[in-house]
């Protein structure tokens, strides 16, 4: 029992790190998209993964780029997060453009990173550090 005695207090604190932070993208009073974060844990606790989606009828207007920028700024200002990363299918140039326009930097492409519709697809990875975001 000795080394497990602290488990009762550790587990609830650790669970809190798994809670995603989600924001709605609203146009005309209706939710048309979303931006969400999943916080890292343990040695990755100062990092977060960002994901986003937008209704097809709202694409191409800069809405998602603005939403990602605002969500990232909020995250850096209100949490201890210092690094945000994202992954996009290598074939999804629109999502990659959003990330670049929002200040993210391409850090690599992982082969066969995702399994979608019965096939492996490559993934492009991006990151933004808090101190780089403050410069903009």
N, C-alpha and C. Protein backbone atom coordinates (compact mmCIF):
# COMPACT_ATOMS: atom_id res chain seq x y z
N UNK A 1 0.81 -1.19 0.00
CA UNK A 1 0.00 0.00 0.00
C UNK A 1 0.86 1.25 0.00
N UNK A 2 2.05 1.23 0.53
CA UNK A 2 2.90 2.39 0.71
C UNK A 2 3.04 3.29 -0.52
N UNK A 3 3.51 2.77 -1.63
CA UNK A 3 3.76 3.65 -2.78
C UNK A 3 2.49 4.05 -3.51
N UNK A 4 1.36 3.41 -3.25
CA UNK A 4 0.11 3.76 -3.89
C UNK A 4 -0.75 4.70 -3.03
N UNK A 5 -0.29 5.02 -1.86
CA UNK A 5 -1.12 5.79 -0.94
C UNK A 5 -1.43 7.19 -1.47
N UNK A 6 -0.59 7.76 -2.31
CA UNK A 6 -0.86 9.08 -2.85
C UNK A 6 -1.75 9.04 -4.09
N UNK A 7 -2.06 7.86 -4.60
CA UNK A 7 -2.85 7.72 -5.82
C UNK A 7 -4.20 8.41 -5.76
N UNK A 8 -4.84 8.39 -4.63
CA UNK A 8 -6.15 9.01 -4.49
C UNK A 8 -6.14 10.49 -4.80
N UNK A 9 -5.09 11.19 -4.44
CA UNK A 9 -5.04 12.62 -4.72
C UNK A 9 -4.46 12.90 -6.11
N UNK A 10 -3.64 12.03 -6.61
CA UNK A 10 -3.01 12.25 -7.91
C UNK A 10 -4.00 12.05 -9.06
N UNK A 11 -4.81 11.02 -9.03
CA UNK A 11 -5.69 10.68 -10.14
C UNK A 11 -6.67 11.79 -10.50
N UNK A 12 -7.40 12.39 -9.55
CA UNK A 12 -8.32 13.47 -9.94
C UNK A 12 -7.60 14.67 -10.57
N UNK A 13 -6.42 15.00 -10.07
CA UNK A 13 -5.67 16.13 -10.63
C UNK A 13 -5.23 15.81 -12.06
N UNK A 14 -4.81 14.60 -12.28
CA UNK A 14 -4.36 14.19 -13.61
C UNK A 14 -5.52 14.15 -14.59
N UNK A 15 -6.68 13.70 -14.17
CA UNK A 15 -7.85 13.64 -15.04
C UNK A 15 -8.21 15.02 -15.59
N UNK A 16 -8.01 16.04 -14.81
CA UNK A 16 -8.36 17.40 -15.25
C UNK A 16 -7.58 17.78 -16.50
N UNK A 17 -6.42 17.21 -16.71
CA UNK A 17 -5.61 17.53 -17.88
C UNK A 17 -6.19 16.96 -19.17
N UNK A 18 -7.09 16.01 -19.06
CA UNK A 18 -7.66 15.39 -20.25
C UNK A 18 -8.84 16.17 -20.81
N UNK A 19 -9.31 17.17 -20.10
CA UNK A 19 -10.48 17.90 -20.54
C UNK A 19 -10.15 18.76 -21.75
N UNK A 20 -10.84 18.58 -22.86
CA UNK A 20 -10.59 19.45 -24.02
C UNK A 20 -11.24 20.81 -23.80
N UNK A 21 -10.71 21.79 -24.44
CA UNK A 21 -11.27 23.14 -24.41
C UNK A 21 -11.81 23.43 -25.80
N UNK A 22 -13.11 23.63 -25.91
CA UNK A 22 -13.75 23.78 -27.22
C UNK A 22 -14.42 25.15 -27.35
N UNK A 23 -14.31 25.73 -28.54
CA UNK A 23 -14.90 27.02 -28.85
C UNK A 23 -15.75 26.88 -30.11
N UNK A 24 -16.91 27.51 -30.12
CA UNK A 24 -17.77 27.49 -31.30
C UNK A 24 -17.40 28.63 -32.23
N UNK A 25 -17.48 28.38 -33.52
CA UNK A 25 -17.36 29.42 -34.54
C UNK A 25 -18.79 29.75 -34.94
N UNK A 26 -19.20 31.00 -34.73
CA UNK A 26 -20.59 31.39 -34.92
C UNK A 26 -20.70 32.40 -36.06
N UNK A 27 -21.67 32.19 -36.92
CA UNK A 27 -21.98 33.12 -38.01
C UNK A 27 -23.49 33.21 -38.12
N UNK A 28 -24.02 34.41 -38.16
CA UNK A 28 -25.46 34.58 -38.26
C UNK A 28 -26.22 33.97 -37.10
N UNK A 29 -25.60 33.96 -35.93
CA UNK A 29 -26.25 33.41 -34.75
C UNK A 29 -26.25 31.89 -34.67
N UNK A 30 -25.58 31.22 -35.59
CA UNK A 30 -25.56 29.75 -35.61
C UNK A 30 -24.12 29.25 -35.55
N UNK A 31 -23.94 28.13 -34.86
CA UNK A 31 -22.63 27.49 -34.83
C UNK A 31 -22.35 26.87 -36.20
N UNK A 32 -21.25 27.29 -36.81
CA UNK A 32 -20.89 26.78 -38.14
C UNK A 32 -19.54 26.06 -38.13
N UNK A 33 -18.93 25.99 -36.95
CA UNK A 33 -17.63 25.34 -36.86
C UNK A 33 -17.16 25.29 -35.43
N UNK A 34 -15.96 24.81 -35.25
CA UNK A 34 -15.40 24.72 -33.91
C UNK A 34 -13.90 24.65 -33.92
N UNK A 35 -13.33 25.09 -32.80
CA UNK A 35 -11.89 24.99 -32.55
C UNK A 35 -11.76 24.35 -31.18
N UNK A 36 -10.93 23.33 -31.07
CA UNK A 36 -10.78 22.66 -29.79
C UNK A 36 -9.33 22.33 -29.48
N UNK A 37 -9.06 22.19 -28.20
CA UNK A 37 -7.72 21.85 -27.71
C UNK A 37 -7.81 20.63 -26.83
N UNK A 38 -6.78 19.80 -26.90
CA UNK A 38 -6.60 18.71 -25.97
C UNK A 38 -5.26 18.97 -25.28
N UNK A 39 -5.31 19.10 -23.98
CA UNK A 39 -4.11 19.42 -23.21
C UNK A 39 -3.21 18.21 -23.07
N UNK A 40 -1.91 18.47 -23.10
CA UNK A 40 -0.95 17.41 -22.86
C UNK A 40 -0.92 17.04 -21.39
N UNK A 41 -0.30 15.94 -21.07
CA UNK A 41 -0.19 15.47 -19.69
C UNK A 41 1.26 15.17 -19.36
N UNK A 42 1.53 15.05 -18.07
CA UNK A 42 2.84 14.64 -17.55
C UNK A 42 3.95 15.50 -18.16
N UNK A 43 4.89 14.92 -18.85
CA UNK A 43 6.01 15.69 -19.39
C UNK A 43 5.61 16.58 -20.56
N UNK A 44 4.40 16.38 -21.09
CA UNK A 44 3.88 17.21 -22.18
C UNK A 44 2.80 18.17 -21.69
N UNK A 45 2.75 18.44 -20.39
CA UNK A 45 1.67 19.21 -19.79
C UNK A 45 1.67 20.69 -20.17
N UNK A 46 2.73 21.20 -20.76
CA UNK A 46 2.76 22.59 -21.20
C UNK A 46 2.48 22.71 -22.70
N UNK A 47 1.98 21.64 -23.29
CA UNK A 47 1.62 21.63 -24.70
C UNK A 47 0.16 21.26 -24.89
N UNK A 48 -0.36 21.58 -26.06
CA UNK A 48 -1.75 21.24 -26.39
C UNK A 48 -1.85 20.99 -27.89
N UNK A 49 -2.79 20.14 -28.26
CA UNK A 49 -3.08 19.89 -29.67
C UNK A 49 -4.34 20.66 -30.03
N UNK A 50 -4.32 21.31 -31.18
CA UNK A 50 -5.47 22.05 -31.66
C UNK A 50 -6.09 21.30 -32.84
N UNK A 51 -7.40 21.34 -32.91
CA UNK A 51 -8.13 20.79 -34.05
C UNK A 51 -9.25 21.75 -34.40
N UNK A 52 -9.72 21.70 -35.63
CA UNK A 52 -10.78 22.63 -36.04
C UNK A 52 -11.56 22.07 -37.21
N UNK A 53 -12.79 22.58 -37.35
CA UNK A 53 -13.65 22.22 -38.49
C UNK A 53 -14.55 23.41 -38.80
N UNK A 54 -15.01 23.47 -40.04
CA UNK A 54 -15.87 24.55 -40.47
C UNK A 54 -16.84 24.03 -41.53
N UNK A 55 -18.08 24.46 -41.43
CA UNK A 55 -19.10 24.09 -42.42
C UNK A 55 -18.61 24.45 -43.82
N UNK A 56 -18.87 23.60 -44.79
CA UNK A 56 -18.40 23.85 -46.16
C UNK A 56 -18.95 25.16 -46.73
N UNK A 57 -20.14 25.56 -46.31
CA UNK A 57 -20.72 26.80 -46.86
C UNK A 57 -20.03 28.07 -46.33
N UNK A 58 -19.19 27.92 -45.32
CA UNK A 58 -18.51 29.09 -44.74
C UNK A 58 -17.02 29.14 -45.08
N UNK A 59 -16.55 28.21 -45.84
CA UNK A 59 -15.11 28.15 -46.14
C UNK A 59 -14.69 29.20 -47.16
N UNK A 60 -13.41 29.53 -47.12
CA UNK A 60 -12.85 30.47 -48.09
C UNK A 60 -13.06 31.93 -47.75
N UNK A 61 -13.47 32.23 -46.52
CA UNK A 61 -13.73 33.61 -46.11
C UNK A 61 -12.80 34.10 -45.01
N UNK A 62 -11.86 33.27 -44.60
CA UNK A 62 -10.93 33.65 -43.54
C UNK A 62 -11.49 33.46 -42.13
N UNK A 63 -12.69 32.90 -42.04
CA UNK A 63 -13.31 32.70 -40.72
C UNK A 63 -12.49 31.78 -39.83
N UNK A 64 -12.04 30.67 -40.39
CA UNK A 64 -11.32 29.71 -39.56
C UNK A 64 -9.95 30.24 -39.16
N UNK A 65 -9.27 30.93 -40.05
CA UNK A 65 -7.98 31.51 -39.68
C UNK A 65 -8.16 32.47 -38.51
N UNK A 66 -9.18 33.32 -38.57
CA UNK A 66 -9.45 34.27 -37.48
C UNK A 66 -9.80 33.52 -36.19
N UNK A 67 -10.60 32.47 -36.31
CA UNK A 67 -11.00 31.70 -35.12
C UNK A 67 -9.81 31.00 -34.49
N UNK A 68 -8.94 30.41 -35.30
CA UNK A 68 -7.75 29.74 -34.78
C UNK A 68 -6.85 30.76 -34.09
N UNK A 69 -6.64 31.91 -34.70
CA UNK A 69 -5.81 32.95 -34.07
C UNK A 69 -6.37 33.36 -32.71
N UNK A 70 -7.67 33.61 -32.66
CA UNK A 70 -8.30 34.03 -31.40
C UNK A 70 -8.21 32.94 -30.34
N UNK A 71 -8.46 31.70 -30.73
CA UNK A 71 -8.41 30.60 -29.77
C UNK A 71 -6.99 30.41 -29.24
N UNK A 72 -6.01 30.51 -30.12
CA UNK A 72 -4.60 30.37 -29.73
C UNK A 72 -4.21 31.49 -28.77
N UNK A 73 -4.59 32.72 -29.10
CA UNK A 73 -4.28 33.84 -28.21
C UNK A 73 -4.91 33.65 -26.84
N UNK A 74 -6.17 33.17 -26.81
CA UNK A 74 -6.84 32.92 -25.54
C UNK A 74 -6.08 31.84 -24.75
N UNK A 75 -5.71 30.78 -25.45
CA UNK A 75 -5.03 29.66 -24.79
C UNK A 75 -3.71 30.10 -24.16
N UNK A 76 -2.92 30.85 -24.92
CA UNK A 76 -1.64 31.31 -24.39
C UNK A 76 -1.83 32.30 -23.23
N UNK A 77 -2.85 33.13 -23.29
CA UNK A 77 -3.07 34.14 -22.25
C UNK A 77 -3.69 33.57 -20.98
N UNK A 78 -4.41 32.47 -21.08
CA UNK A 78 -5.19 31.98 -19.94
C UNK A 78 -4.79 30.62 -19.38
N UNK A 79 -3.76 30.03 -19.93
CA UNK A 79 -3.31 28.73 -19.45
C UNK A 79 -1.78 28.73 -19.40
N UNK A 80 -1.18 27.74 -18.78
CA UNK A 80 0.29 27.66 -18.76
C UNK A 80 0.88 27.07 -20.05
N UNK A 81 0.05 26.85 -21.05
CA UNK A 81 0.51 26.25 -22.31
C UNK A 81 1.52 27.15 -23.00
N UNK A 82 2.63 26.56 -23.47
CA UNK A 82 3.65 27.33 -24.20
C UNK A 82 3.84 26.84 -25.64
N UNK A 83 3.23 25.68 -25.98
CA UNK A 83 3.38 25.11 -27.32
C UNK A 83 2.06 24.49 -27.75
N UNK A 84 1.63 24.85 -28.96
CA UNK A 84 0.42 24.27 -29.54
C UNK A 84 0.82 23.62 -30.86
N UNK A 85 0.35 22.40 -31.07
CA UNK A 85 0.66 21.72 -32.32
C UNK A 85 -0.61 21.25 -33.00
N UNK A 86 -0.49 20.98 -34.28
CA UNK A 86 -1.63 20.54 -35.08
C UNK A 86 -1.16 19.52 -36.09
N UNK A 87 -2.09 18.69 -36.53
CA UNK A 87 -1.83 17.72 -37.58
C UNK A 87 -2.93 17.84 -38.62
N UNK A 88 -2.54 17.74 -39.88
CA UNK A 88 -3.52 17.79 -40.97
C UNK A 88 -3.15 16.72 -41.99
N UNK A 89 -4.17 16.16 -42.62
CA UNK A 89 -3.89 15.23 -43.71
C UNK A 89 -3.03 15.94 -44.74
N UNK A 90 -2.07 15.24 -45.31
CA UNK A 90 -1.19 15.84 -46.31
C UNK A 90 -1.98 16.34 -47.52
N UNK A 91 -3.14 15.76 -47.77
CA UNK A 91 -3.97 16.18 -48.90
C UNK A 91 -4.90 17.35 -48.56
N UNK A 92 -4.94 17.77 -47.30
CA UNK A 92 -5.83 18.85 -46.88
C UNK A 92 -5.10 20.19 -46.88
N UNK A 93 -4.94 20.75 -48.07
CA UNK A 93 -4.20 22.01 -48.21
C UNK A 93 -4.92 23.17 -47.53
N UNK A 94 -6.25 23.13 -47.45
CA UNK A 94 -6.99 24.22 -46.82
C UNK A 94 -6.64 24.32 -45.33
N UNK A 95 -6.63 23.21 -44.63
CA UNK A 95 -6.28 23.22 -43.20
C UNK A 95 -4.83 23.65 -43.00
N UNK A 96 -3.96 23.22 -43.90
CA UNK A 96 -2.56 23.62 -43.80
C UNK A 96 -2.41 25.13 -44.01
N UNK A 97 -3.18 25.70 -44.93
CA UNK A 97 -3.15 27.16 -45.15
C UNK A 97 -3.64 27.92 -43.92
N UNK A 98 -4.71 27.41 -43.30
CA UNK A 98 -5.21 28.04 -42.07
C UNK A 98 -4.11 28.10 -41.03
N UNK A 99 -3.43 26.99 -40.83
CA UNK A 99 -2.38 26.94 -39.81
C UNK A 99 -1.24 27.91 -40.11
N UNK A 100 -0.79 27.94 -41.36
CA UNK A 100 0.30 28.85 -41.73
C UNK A 100 -0.13 30.31 -41.57
N UNK A 101 -1.33 30.64 -42.02
CA UNK A 101 -1.82 32.01 -41.88
C UNK A 101 -2.01 32.41 -40.42
N UNK A 102 -2.26 31.43 -39.56
CA UNK A 102 -2.43 31.70 -38.14
C UNK A 102 -1.08 31.75 -37.40
N UNK A 103 0.02 31.56 -38.13
CA UNK A 103 1.34 31.69 -37.54
C UNK A 103 2.06 30.40 -37.21
N UNK A 104 1.45 29.27 -37.52
CA UNK A 104 2.08 27.99 -37.24
C UNK A 104 3.19 27.71 -38.26
N UNK A 105 4.13 26.90 -37.85
CA UNK A 105 5.27 26.53 -38.68
C UNK A 105 5.23 25.03 -38.95
N UNK A 106 5.42 24.64 -40.21
CA UNK A 106 5.46 23.22 -40.58
C UNK A 106 6.73 22.61 -40.01
N UNK A 107 6.58 21.52 -39.26
CA UNK A 107 7.75 20.90 -38.62
C UNK A 107 8.05 19.51 -39.17
N UNK A 108 7.16 18.99 -40.01
CA UNK A 108 7.45 17.70 -40.60
C UNK A 108 6.22 17.00 -41.13
N UNK A 109 6.48 15.99 -41.94
CA UNK A 109 5.42 15.17 -42.49
C UNK A 109 5.68 13.73 -42.06
N UNK A 110 4.69 13.13 -41.43
CA UNK A 110 4.80 11.75 -40.99
C UNK A 110 4.11 10.87 -42.02
N UNK A 111 4.82 9.88 -42.51
CA UNK A 111 4.23 8.95 -43.47
C UNK A 111 3.27 8.01 -42.77
N UNK A 112 2.16 7.77 -43.42
CA UNK A 112 1.13 6.85 -42.90
C UNK A 112 0.76 7.19 -41.46
N UNK A 113 0.56 8.47 -41.19
CA UNK A 113 0.26 8.93 -39.84
C UNK A 113 -1.18 8.67 -39.42
N UNK A 114 -2.09 8.59 -40.38
CA UNK A 114 -3.51 8.42 -40.08
C UNK A 114 -4.06 7.23 -40.87
N UNK A 115 -5.14 6.68 -40.36
CA UNK A 115 -5.85 5.62 -41.07
C UNK A 115 -7.26 6.12 -41.31
N UNK A 116 -7.59 6.41 -42.56
CA UNK A 116 -8.90 6.98 -42.90
C UNK A 116 -9.47 6.25 -44.11
N UNK A 117 -10.76 5.91 -44.01
CA UNK A 117 -11.47 5.24 -45.10
C UNK A 117 -10.72 4.01 -45.61
N UNK A 118 -10.18 3.24 -44.68
CA UNK A 118 -9.54 1.99 -45.04
C UNK A 118 -8.14 2.09 -45.60
N UNK A 119 -7.53 3.29 -45.51
CA UNK A 119 -6.18 3.46 -46.05
C UNK A 119 -5.35 4.35 -45.15
N UNK A 120 -4.06 4.14 -45.17
CA UNK A 120 -3.14 5.01 -44.44
C UNK A 120 -2.88 6.26 -45.27
N UNK A 121 -2.82 7.41 -44.57
CA UNK A 121 -2.52 8.68 -45.25
C UNK A 121 -1.45 9.42 -44.46
N UNK A 122 -0.68 10.20 -45.17
CA UNK A 122 0.38 10.98 -44.55
C UNK A 122 -0.20 12.17 -43.79
N UNK A 123 0.53 12.63 -42.78
CA UNK A 123 0.09 13.77 -41.98
C UNK A 123 1.16 14.84 -41.91
N UNK A 124 0.75 16.09 -42.04
CA UNK A 124 1.64 17.23 -41.91
C UNK A 124 1.46 17.81 -40.51
N UNK A 125 2.56 18.06 -39.82
CA UNK A 125 2.53 18.54 -38.45
C UNK A 125 3.05 19.97 -38.38
N UNK A 126 2.38 20.76 -37.54
CA UNK A 126 2.66 22.19 -37.38
C UNK A 126 2.75 22.51 -35.90
N UNK A 127 3.49 23.58 -35.56
CA UNK A 127 3.56 24.01 -34.18
C UNK A 127 3.66 25.53 -34.10
N UNK A 128 3.27 26.04 -32.93
CA UNK A 128 3.40 27.46 -32.62
C UNK A 128 3.79 27.57 -31.16
N UNK A 129 4.87 28.29 -30.90
CA UNK A 129 5.32 28.50 -29.53
C UNK A 129 4.82 29.85 -29.02
N UNK A 130 4.54 29.91 -27.74
CA UNK A 130 3.98 31.13 -27.14
C UNK A 130 4.87 32.34 -27.42
N UNK A 131 6.17 32.21 -27.23
CA UNK A 131 7.05 33.37 -27.44
C UNK A 131 7.12 33.79 -28.90
N UNK A 132 6.88 32.88 -29.84
CA UNK A 132 6.82 33.25 -31.25
C UNK A 132 5.51 33.98 -31.55
N UNK A 133 4.44 33.58 -30.89
CA UNK A 133 3.13 34.21 -31.09
C UNK A 133 3.11 35.64 -30.58
N UNK A 134 3.85 35.92 -29.50
CA UNK A 134 3.89 37.26 -28.90
C UNK A 134 4.56 38.28 -29.81
N UNK A 135 5.45 37.82 -30.68
CA UNK A 135 6.17 38.70 -31.59
C UNK A 135 5.26 39.29 -32.63
N UNK A 136 4.21 38.55 -33.02
CA UNK A 136 3.33 38.97 -34.12
C UNK A 136 2.47 40.14 -33.76
